[in-house]
Amino acid sequence: MKYGIPNERTEKGFDLIKFLYGPLIKKPNKYFDDKKIDVLDVGTGSGYLLRLLRKKKPNWNLKGIDPSEALSLNKEKGIELISGYAEELPFKDKSFDLVLSKSSLCYWNDVDKSLREIKRVLKDDGKFYMMDVNRSKWFKILLIIFGKIILGKSKKDMSNFSDRAYSIKEVKVIMERVGLKYNIRRLFGGAYFLVWGSK
């Protein structure tokens, strides 16, 4: 899918909504503390989340993967961005201590296969943290307005993003199906959810 490709305006918009990345930074930060770890961001876009992490954890080994040309927007050293898909992660088994994903679940063509790939590349004691939009009718309207004003996205882009989003109930079913141990909770009044866990 080509929806949701970041551009320079989107990048500036991300700065205005930086708080939305908080749960994906605070929870892993607390769990791993000062350990030097290997991190993968699936659906990284331009690597915005990794740049935020870099400021907090300069000793973490940061990698991101995304199929879009947005990878070229990243100018920061110390972050490795790779062109590729969630369904076929080009990494060896048990490569990462931490796998992250922000607002990319709905772009994956095969969610089950992608999550099995995440499970495969996680180390035995590794953790995953994923944050995404919780699908609802009222939120679709807000998302379209928000995307147009803050991120410069078209109604079509944001509508497709919203339509492909998953509900918390659906995510629970998927997690059970692929065999991941998980916790899940609502964020920001139920507009988003955070799901985290291990193999």
C-alpha atoms as a PDB file:
ATOM      1  CA  MET A   1       0.000   0.000   0.000  1.00  0.00           C
ATOM      2  CA  LYS A   2       1.131   3.554  -0.691  1.00  0.00           C
ATOM      3  CA  TYR A   3      -1.201   5.328   1.706  1.00  0.00           C
ATOM      4  CA  GLY A   4       0.408   7.163   4.575  1.00  0.00           C
ATOM      5  CA  ILE A   5       3.794   7.861   3.016  1.00  0.00           C
ATOM      6  CA  PRO A   6       5.362  10.663   5.063  1.00  0.00           C
ATOM      7  CA  ASN A   7       6.658  13.809   3.414  1.00  0.00           C
ATOM      8  CA  GLU A   8       8.351  16.950   4.724  1.00  0.00           C
ATOM      9  CA  ARG A   9       5.040  18.473   5.818  1.00  0.00           C
ATOM     10  CA  THR A  10       4.115  15.239   7.561  1.00  0.00           C
ATOM     11  CA  GLU A  11       7.430  15.311   9.410  1.00  0.00           C
ATOM     12  CA  LYS A  12       6.657  18.780  10.772  1.00  0.00           C
ATOM     13  CA  GLY A  13       3.200  17.558  11.724  1.00  0.00           C
ATOM     14  CA  PHE A  14       4.752  14.693  13.680  1.00  0.00           C
ATOM     15  CA  ASP A  15       6.545  17.255  15.826  1.00  0.00           C
ATOM     16  CA  LEU A  16       3.148  18.698  16.810  1.00  0.00           C
ATOM     17  CA  ILE A  17       1.854  15.283  17.905  1.00  0.00           C
ATOM     18  CA  LYS A  18       5.050  13.976  19.470  1.00  0.00           C
ATOM     19  CA  PHE A  19       3.073  13.090  22.617  1.00  0.00           C
ATOM     20  CA  LEU A  20       1.403  10.242  20.694  1.00  0.00           C
ATOM     21  CA  TYR A  21       4.765   8.457  20.638  1.00  0.00           C
ATOM     22  CA  GLY A  22       5.145   8.650  24.407  1.00  0.00           C
ATOM     23  CA  PRO A  23       3.839   5.153  25.281  1.00  0.00           C
ATOM     24  CA  LEU A  24       6.199   3.534  22.773  1.00  0.00           C
ATOM     25  CA  ILE A  25       9.160   5.275  24.373  1.00  0.00           C
ATOM     26  CA  LYS A  26       8.340   5.223  28.080  1.00  0.00           C
ATOM     27  CA  LYS A  27       7.371   1.563  28.451  1.00  0.00           C
ATOM     28  CA  PRO A  28      10.404   0.007  26.698  1.00  0.00           C
ATOM     29  CA  ASN A  29      12.646   2.616  28.312  1.00  0.00           C
ATOM     30  CA  LYS A  30      11.443   1.529  31.739  1.00  0.00           C
ATOM     31  CA  TYR A  31      11.676  -2.192  30.986  1.00  0.00           C
ATOM     32  CA  PHE A  32      15.151  -2.262  29.411  1.00  0.00           C
ATOM     33  CA  ASP A  33      16.587   0.617  31.454  1.00  0.00           C
ATOM     34  CA  ASP A  34      20.257   1.179  30.554  1.00  0.00           C
ATOM     35  CA  LYS A  35      20.871  -2.142  28.783  1.00  0.00           C
ATOM     36  CA  LYS A  36      22.383  -2.000  25.326  1.00  0.00           C
ATOM     37  CA  ILE A  37      19.817  -3.666  23.091  1.00  0.00           C
ATOM     38  CA  ASP A  38      18.942  -4.322  19.445  1.00  0.00           C
ATOM     39  CA  VAL A  39      15.746  -2.574  18.333  1.00  0.00           C
ATOM     40  CA  LEU A  40      13.612  -2.923  15.202  1.00  0.00           C
ATOM     41  CA  ASP A  41      10.834  -0.522  14.199  1.00  0.00           C
ATOM     42  CA  VAL A  42       8.469  -2.219  11.722  1.00  0.00           C
ATOM     43  CA  GLY A  43       6.736   0.225   9.396  1.00  0.00           C
ATOM     44  CA  THR A  44       9.163   2.943  10.412  1.00  0.00           C
ATOM     45  CA  GLY A  45       8.311   5.398   7.616  1.00  0.00           C
ATOM     46  CA  SER A  46      10.978   8.077   7.855  1.00  0.00           C
ATOM     47  CA  GLY A  47      12.296   6.697  11.143  1.00  0.00           C
ATOM     48  CA  TYR A  48      10.634   9.364  13.296  1.00  0.00           C
ATOM     49  CA  LEU A  49      10.087   7.055  16.277  1.00  0.00           C
ATOM     50  CA  LEU A  50      13.699   5.882  16.105  1.00  0.00           C
ATOM     51  CA  ARG A  51      14.937   9.473  16.104  1.00  0.00           C
ATOM     52  CA  LEU A  52      12.985  10.115  19.296  1.00  0.00           C
ATOM     53  CA  LEU A  53      14.439   6.957  20.834  1.00  0.00           C
ATOM     54  CA  ARG A  54      17.941   7.963  19.781  1.00  0.00           C
ATOM     55  CA  LYS A  55      17.740  11.046  21.975  1.00  0.00           C
ATOM     56  CA  LYS A  56      16.736   8.950  24.996  1.00  0.00           C
ATOM     57  CA  LYS A  57      18.881   5.880  24.356  1.00  0.00           C
ATOM     58  CA  PRO A  58      22.006   6.688  22.305  1.00  0.00           C
ATOM     59  CA  ASN A  59      23.495   3.274  23.161  1.00  0.00           C
ATOM     60  CA  TRP A  60      20.628   1.284  21.617  1.00  0.00           C
ATOM     61  CA  ASN A  61      21.230  -0.309  18.203  1.00  0.00           C
ATOM     62  CA  LEU A  62      18.339   1.074  16.128  1.00  0.00           C
ATOM     63  CA  LYS A  63      17.010  -0.355  12.867  1.00  0.00           C
ATOM     64  CA  GLY A  64      13.842   0.392  10.951  1.00  0.00           C
ATOM     65  CA  ILE A  65      12.132  -1.250   8.011  1.00  0.00           C
ATOM     66  CA  ASP A  66       9.578   0.196   5.598  1.00  0.00           C
ATOM     67  CA  PRO A  67       8.754  -0.269   1.895  1.00  0.00           C
ATOM     68  CA  SER A  68       8.215   3.424   1.145  1.00  0.00           C
ATOM     69  CA  GLU A  69      10.488   6.144  -0.204  1.00  0.00           C
ATOM     70  CA  ALA A  70       9.983   7.973   3.100  1.00  0.00           C
ATOM     71  CA  LEU A  71      13.166   6.265   4.291  1.00  0.00           C
ATOM     72  CA  SER A  72      15.101   8.950   2.441  1.00  0.00           C
ATOM     73  CA  LEU A  73      13.748  11.638   4.805  1.00  0.00           C
ATOM     74  CA  ASN A  74      15.905  10.371   7.654  1.00  0.00           C
ATOM     75  CA  LYS A  75      19.185  12.276   7.936  1.00  0.00           C
ATOM     76  CA  GLU A  76      20.286  11.141  11.376  1.00  0.00           C
ATOM     77  CA  LYS A  77      23.395   9.039  11.861  1.00  0.00           C
ATOM     78  CA  GLY A  78      23.285   5.947  14.012  1.00  0.00           C
ATOM     79  CA  ILE A  79      19.945   4.751  12.670  1.00  0.00           C
ATOM     80  CA  GLU A  80      19.859   2.063   9.988  1.00  0.00           C
ATOM     81  CA  LEU A  81      16.796   2.132   7.751  1.00  0.00           C
ATOM     82  CA  ILE A  82      16.102  -0.766   5.405  1.00  0.00           C
ATOM     83  CA  SER A  83      13.647  -1.058   2.525  1.00  0.00           C
ATOM     84  CA  GLY A  84      11.414  -4.071   3.042  1.00  0.00           C
ATOM     85  CA  TYR A  85       8.099  -5.485   4.179  1.00  0.00           C
ATOM     86  CA  ALA A  86       6.757  -6.655   7.527  1.00  0.00           C
ATOM     87  CA  GLU A  87       5.733  -9.949   5.923  1.00  0.00           C
ATOM     88  CA  GLU A  88       9.344 -10.799   5.026  1.00  0.00           C
ATOM     89  CA  LEU A  89      11.730  -9.352   7.591  1.00  0.00           C
ATOM     90  CA  PRO A  90      15.301  -9.745   6.255  1.00  0.00           C
ATOM     91  CA  PHE A  91      16.795 -10.702   9.609  1.00  0.00           C
ATOM     92  CA  LYS A  92      17.940 -13.903  11.272  1.00  0.00           C
ATOM     93  CA  ASP A  93      15.860 -15.615  13.942  1.00  0.00           C
ATOM     94  CA  LYS A  94      16.142 -14.116  17.427  1.00  0.00           C
ATOM     95  CA  SER A  95      17.872 -10.924  16.257  1.00  0.00           C
ATOM     96  CA  PHE A  96      16.108  -8.285  18.377  1.00  0.00           C
ATOM     97  CA  ASP A  97      15.495  -7.539  22.036  1.00  0.00           C
ATOM     98  CA  LEU A  98      12.737  -5.091  21.166  1.00  0.00           C
ATOM     99  CA  VAL A  99      10.359  -4.748  18.207  1.00  0.00           C
ATOM    100  CA  LEU A 100       8.228  -1.620  17.868  1.00  0.00           C
ATOM    101  CA  SER A 101       5.492  -0.503  15.505  1.00  0.00           C
ATOM    102  CA  LYS A 102       3.503   2.741  15.400  1.00  0.00           C
ATOM    103  CA  SER A 103       0.400   3.144  13.217  1.00  0.00           C
ATOM    104  CA  SER A 104       1.506   0.602  10.618  1.00  0.00           C
ATOM    105  CA  LEU A 105      -0.588  -2.471  11.412  1.00  0.00           C
ATOM    106  CA  CYS A 106      -3.320  -1.356   9.022  1.00  0.00           C
ATOM    107  CA  TYR A 107      -0.839  -1.082   6.135  1.00  0.00           C
ATOM    108  CA  TRP A 108       0.379  -4.680   6.354  1.00  0.00           C
ATOM    109  CA  ASN A 109      -0.990  -6.857   3.565  1.00  0.00           C
ATOM    110  CA  ASP A 110      -0.869 -10.008   5.704  1.00  0.00           C
ATOM    111  CA  VAL A 111      -1.132  -9.195   9.406  1.00  0.00           C
ATOM    112  CA  ASP A 112      -0.800 -12.791  10.612  1.00  0.00           C
ATOM    113  CA  LYS A 113       2.351 -13.382   8.574  1.00  0.00           C
ATOM    114  CA  SER A 114       3.830 -10.063   9.715  1.00  0.00           C
ATOM    115  CA  LEU A 115       3.257 -10.849  13.386  1.00  0.00           C
ATOM    116  CA  ARG A 116       4.750 -14.314  12.945  1.00  0.00           C
ATOM    117  CA  GLU A 117       7.794 -12.634  11.433  1.00  0.00           C
ATOM    118  CA  ILE A 118       8.024 -10.339  14.454  1.00  0.00           C
ATOM    119  CA  LYS A 119       7.763 -13.389  16.695  1.00  0.00           C
ATOM    120  CA  ARG A 120      10.541 -15.083  14.705  1.00  0.00           C
ATOM    121  CA  VAL A 121      13.030 -12.201  14.949  1.00  0.00           C
ATOM    122  CA  LEU A 122      12.390 -11.575  18.656  1.00  0.00           C
ATOM    123  CA  LYS A 123      14.911 -13.018  21.090  1.00  0.00           C
ATOM    124  CA  ASP A 124      13.516 -15.504  23.605  1.00  0.00           C
ATOM    125  CA  ASP A 125      13.364 -12.821  26.293  1.00  0.00           C
ATOM    126  CA  GLY A 126      12.488 -10.048  23.827  1.00  0.00           C
ATOM    127  CA  LYS A 127       9.483  -7.715  23.952  1.00  0.00           C
ATOM    128  CA  PHE A 128       7.238  -6.128  21.353  1.00  0.00           C
ATOM    129  CA  TYR A 129       5.243  -2.898  21.673  1.00  0.00           C
ATOM    130  CA  MET A 130       2.719  -1.856  19.052  1.00  0.00           C
ATOM    131  CA  MET A 131       0.511   1.219  19.043  1.00  0.00           C
ATOM    132  CA  ASP A 132      -2.237   1.831  16.513  1.00  0.00           C
ATOM    133  CA  VAL A 133      -5.582   3.464  15.833  1.00  0.00           C
ATOM    134  CA  ASN A 134      -8.577   1.748  17.432  1.00  0.00           C
ATOM    135  CA  ARG A 135     -11.209   1.603  14.677  1.00  0.00           C
ATOM    136  CA  SER A 136     -14.489   3.381  15.389  1.00  0.00           C
ATOM    137  CA  LYS A 137     -16.970   5.428  13.336  1.00  0.00           C
ATOM    138  CA  TRP A 138     -16.627   8.658  15.322  1.00  0.00           C
ATOM    139  CA  PHE A 139     -12.858   8.492  15.246  1.00  0.00           C
ATOM    140  CA  LYS A 140     -12.792   8.198  11.456  1.00  0.00           C
ATOM    141  CA  ILE A 141     -14.251  11.705  11.132  1.00  0.00           C
ATOM    142  CA  LEU A 142     -11.751  13.156  13.609  1.00  0.00           C
ATOM    143  CA  LEU A 143      -8.897  11.317  11.919  1.00  0.00           C
ATOM    144  CA  ILE A 144      -9.726  12.755   8.505  1.00  0.00           C
ATOM    145  CA  ILE A 145      -9.847  16.308   9.901  1.00  0.00           C
ATOM    146  CA  PHE A 146      -6.701  15.792  11.951  1.00  0.00           C
ATOM    147  CA  GLY A 147      -4.789  14.267   9.022  1.00  0.00           C
ATOM    148  CA  LYS A 148      -5.681  17.093   6.678  1.00  0.00           C
ATOM    149  CA  ILE A 149      -4.871  19.953   9.055  1.00  0.00           C
ATOM    150  CA  ILE A 150      -1.823  18.602  10.919  1.00  0.00           C
ATOM    151  CA  LEU A 151      -0.222  16.144   8.494  1.00  0.00           C
ATOM    152  CA  GLY A 152      -1.334  17.552   5.148  1.00  0.00           C
ATOM    153  CA  LYS A 153      -2.944  14.259   4.154  1.00  0.00           C
ATOM    154  CA  SER A 154      -5.849  13.943   1.728  1.00  0.00           C
ATOM    155  CA  LYS A 155      -9.300  12.759   2.773  1.00  0.00           C
ATOM    156  CA  LYS A 156      -8.697   9.621   0.685  1.00  0.00           C
ATOM    157  CA  ASP A 157      -5.430   8.810   2.489  1.00  0.00           C
ATOM    158  CA  MET A 158      -6.914   9.212   5.952  1.00  0.00           C
ATOM    159  CA  SER A 159     -10.170   7.452   5.046  1.00  0.00           C
ATOM    160  CA  ASN A 160      -8.248   4.430   3.751  1.00  0.00           C
ATOM    161  CA  PHE A 161      -6.080   4.451   6.867  1.00  0.00           C
ATOM    162  CA  SER A 162      -9.152   4.501   9.107  1.00  0.00           C
ATOM    163  CA  ASP A 163     -11.040   1.854   7.110  1.00  0.00           C
ATOM    164  CA  ARG A 164      -8.119  -0.563   7.353  1.00  0.00           C
ATOM    165  CA  ALA A 165      -7.610  -0.007  11.089  1.00  0.00           C
ATOM    166  CA  TYR A 166      -8.361  -2.791  13.558  1.00  0.00           C
ATOM    167  CA  SER A 167     -10.516  -2.739  16.657  1.00  0.00           C
ATOM    168  CA  ILE A 168      -9.123  -3.929  19.991  1.00  0.00           C
ATOM    169  CA  LYS A 169     -11.393  -6.977  19.780  1.00  0.00           C
ATOM    170  CA  GLU A 170      -9.944  -7.902  16.378  1.00  0.00           C
ATOM    171  CA  VAL A 171      -6.376  -7.424  17.584  1.00  0.00           C
ATOM    172  CA  LYS A 172      -6.983  -9.803  20.493  1.00  0.00           C
ATOM    173  CA  VAL A 173      -8.212 -12.489  18.084  1.00  0.00           C
ATOM    174  CA  ILE A 174      -5.166 -12.017  15.850  1.00  0.00           C
ATOM    175  CA  MET A 175      -2.711 -12.174  18.753  1.00  0.00           C
ATOM    176  CA  GLU A 176      -4.291 -15.414  19.967  1.00  0.00           C
ATOM    177  CA  ARG A 177      -4.165 -16.848  16.467  1.00  0.00           C
ATOM    178  CA  VAL A 178      -0.444 -16.209  15.963  1.00  0.00           C
ATOM    179  CA  GLY A 179       0.438 -17.337  19.483  1.00  0.00           C
ATOM    180  CA  LEU A 180       1.912 -14.166  20.974  1.00  0.00           C
ATOM    181  CA  LYS A 181       1.660 -13.492  24.704  1.00  0.00           C
ATOM    182  CA  TYR A 182       0.176 -10.024  25.024  1.00  0.00           C
ATOM    183  CA  ASN A 183      -1.400  -7.263  27.080  1.00  0.00           C
ATOM    184  CA  ILE A 184      -3.551  -4.554  25.562  1.00  0.00           C
ATOM    185  CA  ARG A 185      -5.023  -1.276  26.741  1.00  0.00           C
ATOM    186  CA  ARG A 186      -6.812   1.752  25.385  1.00  0.00           C
ATOM    187  CA  LEU A 187      -5.011   5.063  25.025  1.00  0.00           C
ATOM    188  CA  PHE A 188      -6.166   8.648  24.542  1.00  0.00           C
ATOM    189  CA  GLY A 189      -9.814   7.989  25.326  1.00  0.00           C
ATOM    190  CA  GLY A 190      -9.920   4.806  23.262  1.00  0.00           C
ATOM    191  CA  ALA A 191      -8.738   6.472  20.052  1.00  0.00           C
ATOM    192  CA  TYR A 192      -5.595   4.306  20.101  1.00  0.00           C
ATOM    193  CA  PHE A 193      -4.521   1.050  21.668  1.00  0.00           C
ATOM    194  CA  LEU A 194      -1.170  -0.204  22.904  1.00  0.00           C
ATOM    195  CA  VAL A 195      -0.460  -3.920  22.699  1.00  0.00           C
ATOM    196  CA  TRP A 196       2.733  -5.355  24.150  1.00  0.00           C
ATOM    197  CA  GLY A 197       4.131  -8.717  25.128  1.00  0.00           C
ATOM    198  CA  SER A 198       6.525 -11.496  24.186  1.00  0.00           C
ATOM    199  CA  LYS A 199       6.855 -14.775  22.290  1.00  0.00           C
END
